Full PDB file with SEQRES, HELIX, SHEET, SSBOND, CRYST1, ORIGX, SCALE, CONECT and MASTER records, all heavy atoms in Angstrom:
SEQRES   1 A   31  GLY ILE SER TRP SER ALA ASP PHE HIS GLU GLY THR ALA          
SEQRES   2 A   31  ALA PHE GLY HIS SER GLY GLY THR LEU GLY PHE THR ALA          
SEQRES   3 A   31  TYR MET TYR TRP LEU                                          
SHEET    1 AA1 3 SER A   3  HIS A   9  0                                        
SHEET    2 AA1 3 THR A  12  THR A  21 -1                                        
SHEET    3 AA1 3 PHE A  24  TRP A  30 -1                                        
CRYST1    1.000    1.000    1.000  90.00  90.00  90.00 P 1           1          
ORIGX1      1.000000  0.000000  0.000000        0.00000                         
ORIGX2      0.000000  1.000000  0.000000        0.00000                         
ORIGX3      0.000000  0.000000  1.000000        0.00000                         
SCALE1      1.000000  0.000000  0.000000        0.00000                         
SCALE2      0.000000  1.000000  0.000000        0.00000                         
SCALE3      0.000000  0.000000  1.000000        0.00000                         
ATOM      1  N   GLY A   1     242.401 -50.385 -59.651  1.00  0.00           N  
ATOM      2  CA  GLY A   1     243.393 -49.302 -59.676  1.00  0.00           C  
ATOM      3  C   GLY A   1     244.828 -49.769 -59.854  1.00  0.00           C  
ATOM      4  O   GLY A   1     245.737 -48.988 -59.743  1.00  0.00           O  
ATOM      5  N   ILE A   2     245.019 -51.043 -60.136  1.00  0.00           N  
ATOM      6  CA  ILE A   2     246.366 -51.598 -60.333  1.00  0.00           C  
ATOM      7  C   ILE A   2     246.344 -52.526 -61.549  1.00  0.00           C  
ATOM      8  O   ILE A   2     245.399 -53.300 -61.719  1.00  0.00           O  
ATOM      9  CB  ILE A   2     246.826 -52.402 -59.071  1.00  0.00           C  
ATOM     10  CG1 ILE A   2     247.189 -51.462 -57.932  1.00  0.00           C  
ATOM     11  CG2 ILE A   2     248.007 -53.307 -59.386  1.00  0.00           C  
ATOM     12  CD1 ILE A   2     248.491 -50.687 -58.127  1.00  0.00           C  
ATOM     13  N   SER A   3     247.383 -52.438 -62.347  1.00  0.00           N  
ATOM     14  CA  SER A   3     247.462 -53.335 -63.497  1.00  0.00           C  
ATOM     15  C   SER A   3     248.418 -54.496 -63.193  1.00  0.00           C  
ATOM     16  O   SER A   3     249.262 -54.398 -62.300  1.00  0.00           O  
ATOM     17  CB  SER A   3     247.945 -52.590 -64.745  1.00  0.00           C  
ATOM     18  OG  SER A   3     249.296 -52.171 -64.597  1.00  0.00           O  
ATOM     19  N   TRP A   4     248.248 -55.573 -63.936  1.00  0.00           N  
ATOM     20  CA  TRP A   4     249.119 -56.747 -63.823  1.00  0.00           C  
ATOM     21  C   TRP A   4     249.553 -57.154 -65.211  1.00  0.00           C  
ATOM     22  O   TRP A   4     248.686 -57.249 -66.124  1.00  0.00           O  
ATOM     23  CB  TRP A   4     248.402 -57.895 -63.124  1.00  0.00           C  
ATOM     24  CG  TRP A   4     249.145 -59.197 -63.064  1.00  0.00           C  
ATOM     25  CD1 TRP A   4     250.058 -59.577 -62.141  1.00  0.00           C  
ATOM     26  CD2 TRP A   4     249.049 -60.284 -64.005  1.00  0.00           C  
ATOM     27  NE1 TRP A   4     250.537 -60.857 -62.422  1.00  0.00           N  
ATOM     28  CE2 TRP A   4     249.905 -61.310 -63.573  1.00  0.00           C  
ATOM     29  CE3 TRP A   4     248.278 -60.490 -65.172  1.00  0.00           C  
ATOM     30  CZ2 TRP A   4     250.053 -62.522 -64.257  1.00  0.00           C  
ATOM     31  CZ3 TRP A   4     248.424 -61.690 -65.859  1.00  0.00           C  
ATOM     32  CH2 TRP A   4     249.312 -62.683 -65.398  1.00  0.00           C  
ATOM     33  N   SER A   5     250.857 -57.351 -65.404  1.00  0.00           N  
ATOM     34  CA  SER A   5     251.379 -57.789 -66.710  1.00  0.00           C  
ATOM     35  C   SER A   5     252.072 -59.114 -66.564  1.00  0.00           C  
ATOM     36  O   SER A   5     252.920 -59.304 -65.673  1.00  0.00           O  
ATOM     37  CB  SER A   5     252.383 -56.764 -67.247  1.00  0.00           C  
ATOM     38  OG  SER A   5     251.783 -55.487 -67.368  1.00  0.00           O  
ATOM     39  N   ALA A   6     251.735 -60.078 -67.422  1.00  0.00           N  
ATOM     40  CA  ALA A   6     252.224 -61.459 -67.278  1.00  0.00           C  
ATOM     41  C   ALA A   6     253.721 -61.543 -67.534  1.00  0.00           C  
ATOM     42  O   ALA A   6     254.449 -62.293 -66.846  1.00  0.00           O  
ATOM     43  CB  ALA A   6     251.462 -62.381 -68.221  1.00  0.00           C  
ATOM     44  N   ASP A   7     254.223 -60.851 -68.546  1.00  0.00           N  
ATOM     45  CA  ASP A   7     255.656 -60.983 -68.909  1.00  0.00           C  
ATOM     46  C   ASP A   7     256.269 -59.580 -68.891  1.00  0.00           C  
ATOM     47  O   ASP A   7     256.557 -58.996 -69.902  1.00  0.00           O  
ATOM     48  CB  ASP A   7     255.795 -61.595 -70.302  1.00  0.00           C  
ATOM     49  CG  ASP A   7     257.251 -61.893 -70.658  1.00  0.00           C  
ATOM     50  OD1 ASP A   7     258.116 -61.746 -69.775  1.00  0.00           O  
ATOM     51  OD2 ASP A   7     257.513 -62.229 -71.794  1.00  0.00           O  
ATOM     52  N   PHE A   8     256.495 -59.134 -67.690  1.00  0.00           N  
ATOM     53  CA  PHE A   8     257.064 -57.787 -67.535  1.00  0.00           C  
ATOM     54  C   PHE A   8     258.560 -57.764 -67.853  1.00  0.00           C  
ATOM     55  O   PHE A   8     259.049 -56.880 -68.510  1.00  0.00           O  
ATOM     56  CB  PHE A   8     256.826 -57.280 -66.113  1.00  0.00           C  
ATOM     57  CG  PHE A   8     257.249 -55.885 -65.854  1.00  0.00           C  
ATOM     58  CD1 PHE A   8     256.484 -54.819 -66.297  1.00  0.00           C  
ATOM     59  CD2 PHE A   8     258.408 -55.621 -65.126  1.00  0.00           C  
ATOM     60  CE1 PHE A   8     256.880 -53.498 -66.061  1.00  0.00           C  
ATOM     61  CE2 PHE A   8     258.792 -54.294 -64.877  1.00  0.00           C  
ATOM     62  CZ  PHE A   8     258.029 -53.250 -65.366  1.00  0.00           C  
ATOM     63  N   HIS A   9     259.237 -58.805 -67.352  1.00  0.00           N  
ATOM     64  CA  HIS A   9     260.685 -58.931 -67.622  1.00  0.00           C  
ATOM     65  C   HIS A   9     261.120 -60.381 -67.544  1.00  0.00           C  
ATOM     66  O   HIS A   9     261.023 -61.014 -66.509  1.00  0.00           O  
ATOM     67  CB  HIS A   9     261.492 -58.112 -66.581  1.00  0.00           C  
ATOM     68  CG  HIS A   9     262.987 -58.255 -66.738  1.00  0.00           C  
ATOM     69  ND1 HIS A   9     263.649 -57.722 -67.823  1.00  0.00           N  
ATOM     70  CD2 HIS A   9     263.912 -58.866 -65.986  1.00  0.00           C  
ATOM     71  CE1 HIS A   9     264.938 -57.985 -67.700  1.00  0.00           C  
ATOM     72  NE2 HIS A   9     265.108 -58.683 -66.628  1.00  0.00           N  
ATOM     73  N   GLU A  10     261.539 -60.875 -68.713  1.00  0.00           N  
ATOM     74  CA  GLU A  10     262.039 -62.250 -68.822  1.00  0.00           C  
ATOM     75  C   GLU A  10     261.168 -63.273 -68.132  1.00  0.00           C  
ATOM     76  O   GLU A  10     261.625 -64.120 -67.380  1.00  0.00           O  
ATOM     77  CB  GLU A  10     263.468 -62.302 -68.253  1.00  0.00           C  
ATOM     78  CG  GLU A  10     264.447 -61.427 -69.054  1.00  0.00           C  
ATOM     79  CD  GLU A  10     265.889 -61.552 -68.586  1.00  0.00           C  
ATOM     80  OE1 GLU A  10     266.102 -62.145 -67.482  1.00  0.00           O  
ATOM     81  OE2 GLU A  10     266.790 -61.081 -69.274  1.00  0.00           O  
ATOM     82  N   GLY A  11     259.865 -63.200 -68.407  1.00  0.00           N  
ATOM     83  CA  GLY A  11     258.917 -64.164 -67.913  1.00  0.00           C  
ATOM     84  C   GLY A  11     258.384 -63.882 -66.517  1.00  0.00           C  
ATOM     85  O   GLY A  11     257.495 -64.593 -66.042  1.00  0.00           O  
ATOM     86  N   THR A  12     258.857 -62.848 -65.861  1.00  0.00           N  
ATOM     87  CA  THR A  12     258.382 -62.470 -64.529  1.00  0.00           C  
ATOM     88  C   THR A  12     257.266 -61.443 -64.674  1.00  0.00           C  
ATOM     89  O   THR A  12     257.390 -60.461 -65.393  1.00  0.00           O  
ATOM     90  CB  THR A  12     259.498 -61.886 -63.666  1.00  0.00           C  
ATOM     91  OG1 THR A  12     260.549 -62.877 -63.510  1.00  0.00           O  
ATOM     92  CG2 THR A  12     258.977 -61.533 -62.277  1.00  0.00           C  
ATOM     93  N   ALA A  13     256.164 -61.662 -63.952  1.00  0.00           N  
ATOM     94  CA  ALA A  13     255.028 -60.751 -63.982  1.00  0.00           C  
ATOM     95  C   ALA A  13     255.279 -59.582 -63.050  1.00  0.00           C  
ATOM     96  O   ALA A  13     256.164 -59.624 -62.197  1.00  0.00           O  
ATOM     97  CB  ALA A  13     253.753 -61.468 -63.598  1.00  0.00           C  
ATOM     98  N   ALA A  14     254.492 -58.515 -63.209  1.00  0.00           N  
ATOM     99  CA  ALA A  14     254.618 -57.352 -62.357  1.00  0.00           C  
ATOM    100  C   ALA A  14     253.263 -56.682 -62.156  1.00  0.00           C  
ATOM    101  O   ALA A  14     252.363 -56.747 -63.006  1.00  0.00           O  
ATOM    102  CB  ALA A  14     255.588 -56.333 -62.970  1.00  0.00           C  
ATOM    103  N   PHE A  15     253.130 -56.032 -61.001  1.00  0.00           N  
ATOM    104  CA  PHE A  15     251.986 -55.193 -60.675  1.00  0.00           C  
ATOM    105  C   PHE A  15     252.455 -53.730 -60.705  1.00  0.00           C  
ATOM    106  O   PHE A  15     253.619 -53.437 -60.430  1.00  0.00           O  
ATOM    107  CB  PHE A  15     251.450 -55.494 -59.263  1.00  0.00           C  
ATOM    108  CG  PHE A  15     250.783 -56.826 -59.124  1.00  0.00           C  
ATOM    109  CD1 PHE A  15     251.502 -57.940 -58.684  1.00  0.00           C  
ATOM    110  CD2 PHE A  15     249.438 -56.986 -59.404  1.00  0.00           C  
ATOM    111  CE1 PHE A  15     250.887 -59.170 -58.512  1.00  0.00           C  
ATOM    112  CE2 PHE A  15     248.801 -58.199 -59.242  1.00  0.00           C  
ATOM    113  CZ  PHE A  15     249.523 -59.295 -58.783  1.00  0.00           C  
ATOM    114  N   GLY A  16     251.519 -52.842 -60.961  1.00  0.00           N  
ATOM    115  CA  GLY A  16     251.874 -51.434 -60.869  1.00  0.00           C  
ATOM    116  C   GLY A  16     251.020 -50.573 -61.765  1.00  0.00           C  
ATOM    117  O   GLY A  16     249.879 -50.909 -62.082  1.00  0.00           O  
ATOM    118  N   HIS A  17     251.600 -49.445 -62.208  1.00  0.00           N  
ATOM    119  CA  HIS A  17     250.869 -48.527 -63.052  1.00  0.00           C  
ATOM    120  C   HIS A  17     251.883 -47.639 -63.780  1.00  0.00           C  
ATOM    121  O   HIS A  17     252.955 -47.344 -63.255  1.00  0.00           O  
ATOM    122  CB  HIS A  17     249.934 -47.651 -62.226  1.00  0.00           C  
ATOM    123  CG  HIS A  17     248.623 -47.374 -62.906  1.00  0.00           C  
ATOM    124  ND1 HIS A  17     248.517 -46.630 -64.077  1.00  0.00           N  
ATOM    125  CD2 HIS A  17     247.350 -47.727 -62.580  1.00  0.00           C  
ATOM    126  CE1 HIS A  17     247.244 -46.537 -64.428  1.00  0.00           C  
ATOM    127  NE2 HIS A  17     246.511 -47.218 -63.559  1.00  0.00           N  
ATOM    128  N   SER A  18     251.507 -47.193 -64.975  1.00  0.00           N  
ATOM    129  CA  SER A  18     252.267 -46.193 -65.694  1.00  0.00           C  
ATOM    130  C   SER A  18     251.416 -44.947 -65.808  1.00  0.00           C  
ATOM    131  O   SER A  18     250.228 -44.930 -65.442  1.00  0.00           O  
ATOM    132  CB  SER A  18     252.641 -46.692 -67.080  1.00  0.00           C  
ATOM    133  OG  SER A  18     251.491 -46.973 -67.852  1.00  0.00           O  
ATOM    134  N   GLY A  19     252.020 -43.870 -66.277  1.00  0.00           N  
ATOM    135  CA  GLY A  19     251.260 -42.622 -66.397  1.00  0.00           C  
ATOM    136  C   GLY A  19     251.833 -41.763 -67.496  1.00  0.00           C  
ATOM    137  O   GLY A  19     253.050 -41.696 -67.706  1.00  0.00           O  
ATOM    138  N   GLY A  20     250.970 -41.098 -68.236  1.00  0.00           N  
ATOM    139  CA  GLY A  20     251.397 -40.175 -69.263  1.00  0.00           C  
ATOM    140  C   GLY A  20     250.443 -39.025 -69.393  1.00  0.00           C  
ATOM    141  O   GLY A  20     249.221 -39.228 -69.415  1.00  0.00           O  
ATOM    142  N   THR A  21     250.959 -37.829 -69.459  1.00  0.00           N  
ATOM    143  CA  THR A  21     250.103 -36.648 -69.614  1.00  0.00           C  
ATOM    144  C   THR A  21     250.933 -35.585 -70.296  1.00  0.00           C  
ATOM    145  O   THR A  21     252.057 -35.827 -70.767  1.00  0.00           O  
ATOM    146  CB  THR A  21     249.549 -36.180 -68.252  1.00  0.00           C  
ATOM    147  OG1 THR A  21     248.609 -35.141 -68.488  1.00  0.00           O  
ATOM    148  CG2 THR A  21     250.658 -35.717 -67.320  1.00  0.00           C  
ATOM    149  N   LEU A  22     250.391 -34.364 -70.355  1.00  0.00           N  
ATOM    150  CA  LEU A  22     251.136 -33.282 -70.987  1.00  0.00           C  
ATOM    151  C   LEU A  22     252.433 -33.055 -70.217  1.00  0.00           C  
ATOM    152  O   LEU A  22     252.455 -32.699 -69.042  1.00  0.00           O  
ATOM    153  CB  LEU A  22     250.294 -31.986 -70.956  1.00  0.00           C  
ATOM    154  CG  LEU A  22     250.933 -30.753 -71.589  1.00  0.00           C  
ATOM    155  CD1 LEU A  22     251.010 -30.912 -73.101  1.00  0.00           C  
ATOM    156  CD2 LEU A  22     250.170 -29.490 -71.236  1.00  0.00           C  
ATOM    157  N   GLY A  23     253.548 -33.303 -70.887  1.00  0.00           N  
ATOM    158  CA  GLY A  23     254.841 -33.010 -70.304  1.00  0.00           C  
ATOM    159  C   GLY A  23     255.499 -34.074 -69.452  1.00  0.00           C  
ATOM    160  O   GLY A  23     256.615 -33.890 -68.987  1.00  0.00           O  
ATOM    161  N   PHE A  24     254.831 -35.214 -69.236  1.00  0.00           N  
ATOM    162  CA  PHE A  24     255.367 -36.190 -68.285  1.00  0.00           C  
ATOM    163  C   PHE A  24     255.073 -37.637 -68.727  1.00  0.00           C  
ATOM    164  O   PHE A  24     254.033 -37.926 -69.315  1.00  0.00           O  
ATOM    165  CB  PHE A  24     254.789 -36.005 -66.883  1.00  0.00           C  
ATOM    166  CG  PHE A  24     255.205 -34.700 -66.260  1.00  0.00           C  
ATOM    167  CD1 PHE A  24     254.300 -33.648 -66.131  1.00  0.00           C  
ATOM    168  CD2 PHE A  24     256.500 -34.494 -65.773  1.00  0.00           C  
ATOM    169  CE1 PHE A  24     254.660 -32.442 -65.552  1.00  0.00           C  
ATOM    170  CE2 PHE A  24     256.859 -33.300 -65.179  1.00  0.00           C  
ATOM    171  CZ  PHE A  24     255.956 -32.269 -65.091  1.00  0.00           C  
ATOM    172  N   THR A  25     256.000 -38.548 -68.343  1.00  0.00           N  
ATOM    173  CA  THR A  25     255.809 -39.987 -68.451  1.00  0.00           C  
ATOM    174  C   THR A  25     256.349 -40.635 -67.195  1.00  0.00           C  
ATOM    175  O   THR A  25     257.392 -40.228 -66.703  1.00  0.00           O  
ATOM    176  CB  THR A  25     256.560 -40.560 -69.685  1.00  0.00           C  
ATOM    177  OG1 THR A  25     256.202 -39.757 -70.847  1.00  0.00           O  
ATOM    178  CG2 THR A  25     256.199 -42.008 -69.915  1.00  0.00           C  
ATOM    179  N   ALA A  26     255.628 -41.615 -66.677  1.00  0.00           N  
ATOM    180  CA  ALA A  26     256.034 -42.208 -65.386  1.00  0.00           C  
ATOM    181  C   ALA A  26     255.757 -43.715 -65.376  1.00  0.00           C  
ATOM    182  O   ALA A  26     254.805 -44.200 -66.003  1.00  0.00           O  
ATOM    183  CB  ALA A  26     255.271 -41.527 -64.255  1.00  0.00           C  
ATOM    184  N   TYR A  27     256.581 -44.450 -64.621  1.00  0.00           N  
ATOM    185  CA  TYR A  27     256.402 -45.883 -64.429  1.00  0.00           C  
ATOM    186  C   TYR A  27     256.616 -46.228 -62.965  1.00  0.00           C  
ATOM    187  O   TYR A  27     257.595 -45.744 -62.357  1.00  0.00           O  
ATOM    188  CB  TYR A  27     257.404 -46.674 -65.280  1.00  0.00           C  
ATOM    189  CG  TYR A  27     257.300 -46.444 -66.773  1.00  0.00           C  
ATOM    190  CD1 TYR A  27     257.998 -45.415 -67.375  1.00  0.00           C  
ATOM    191  CD2 TYR A  27     256.474 -47.238 -67.558  1.00  0.00           C  
ATOM    192  CE1 TYR A  27     257.905 -45.190 -68.744  1.00  0.00           C  
ATOM    193  CE2 TYR A  27     256.371 -47.013 -68.926  1.00  0.00           C  
ATOM    194  CZ  TYR A  27     257.103 -45.990 -69.516  1.00  0.00           C  
ATOM    195  OH  TYR A  27     256.997 -45.769 -70.883  1.00  0.00           O  
ATOM    196  N   MET A  28     255.768 -47.081 -62.393  1.00  0.00           N  
ATOM    197  CA  MET A  28     255.896 -47.569 -61.015  1.00  0.00           C  
ATOM    198  C   MET A  28     255.454 -49.021 -61.007  1.00  0.00           C  
ATOM    199  O   MET A  28     254.252 -49.317 -61.144  1.00  0.00           O  
ATOM    200  CB  MET A  28     255.038 -46.717 -60.092  1.00  0.00           C  
ATOM    201  CG  MET A  28     255.081 -47.186 -58.606  1.00  0.00           C  
ATOM    202  SD  MET A  28     253.825 -46.357 -57.598  1.00  0.00           S  
ATOM    203  CE  MET A  28     252.320 -47.264 -58.116  1.00  0.00           C  
ATOM    204  N   TYR A  29     256.376 -49.959 -60.806  1.00  0.00           N  
ATOM    205  CA  TYR A  29     256.031 -51.381 -60.817  1.00  0.00           C  
ATOM    206  C   TYR A  29     256.810 -52.151 -59.769  1.00  0.00           C  
ATOM    207  O   TYR A  29     257.926 -51.753 -59.390  1.00  0.00           O  
ATOM    208  CB  TYR A  29     256.357 -51.980 -62.204  1.00  0.00           C  
ATOM    209  CG  TYR A  29     255.408 -51.522 -63.268  1.00  0.00           C  
ATOM    210  CD1 TYR A  29     255.730 -50.436 -64.081  1.00  0.00           C  
ATOM    211  CD2 TYR A  29     254.206 -52.192 -63.480  1.00  0.00           C  
ATOM    212  CE1 TYR A  29     254.826 -50.017 -65.056  1.00  0.00           C  
ATOM    213  CE2 TYR A  29     253.324 -51.764 -64.461  1.00  0.00           C  
ATOM    214  CZ  TYR A  29     253.635 -50.699 -65.247  1.00  0.00           C  
ATOM    215  OH  TYR A  29     252.746 -50.266 -66.197  1.00  0.00           O  
ATOM    216  N   TRP A  30     256.238 -53.267 -59.293  1.00  0.00           N  
ATOM    217  CA  TRP A  30     256.981 -54.209 -58.496  1.00  0.00           C  
ATOM    218  C   TRP A  30     256.815 -55.584 -59.112  1.00  0.00           C  
ATOM    219  O   TRP A  30     255.762 -55.939 -59.608  1.00  0.00           O  
ATOM    220  CB  TRP A  30     256.549 -54.192 -57.037  1.00  0.00           C  
ATOM    221  CG  TRP A  30     255.167 -54.697 -56.714  1.00  0.00           C  
ATOM    222  CD1 TRP A  30     254.792 -55.967 -56.417  1.00  0.00           C  
ATOM    223  CD2 TRP A  30     253.961 -53.891 -56.623  1.00  0.00           C  
ATOM    224  NE1 TRP A  30     253.446 -56.029 -56.141  1.00  0.00           N  
ATOM    225  CE2 TRP A  30     252.922 -54.756 -56.270  1.00  0.00           C  
ATOM    226  CE3 TRP A  30     253.697 -52.523 -56.796  1.00  0.00           C  
ATOM    227  CZ2 TRP A  30     251.601 -54.316 -56.099  1.00  0.00           C  
ATOM    228  CZ3 TRP A  30     252.391 -52.099 -56.632  1.00  0.00           C  
ATOM    229  CH2 TRP A  30     251.376 -52.985 -56.281  1.00  0.00           C  
ATOM    230  N   LEU A  31     257.909 -56.366 -59.079  1.00  0.00           N  
ATOM    231  CA  LEU A  31     257.893 -57.668 -59.715  1.00  0.00           C  
ATOM    232  C   LEU A  31     257.191 -58.676 -58.799  1.00  0.00           C  
ATOM    233  O   LEU A  31     257.509 -58.779 -57.600  1.00  0.00           O  
ATOM    234  CB  LEU A  31     259.328 -58.129 -60.045  1.00  0.00           C  
ATOM    235  CG  LEU A  31     259.853 -57.604 -61.372  1.00  0.00           C  
ATOM    236  CD1 LEU A  31     260.083 -56.098 -61.327  1.00  0.00           C  
ATOM    237  CD2 LEU A  31     261.120 -58.323 -61.758  1.00  0.00           C  
TER     238      LEU A  31                                                      
MASTER        0    0    0    0    3    0    0    6  237    1    0    3          
END                                                                             
C-alpha cells in the first residue's frame, strides 16, 4: 500500500502515494 521512488528529488528517495480520479489529483510523500 506504499510506493517507493529512488530519485524523488535530487537523488533522495521517498515513500508515499499519489492519487488521481475524476476531478482530483493528489500527492503525499515523505523523503
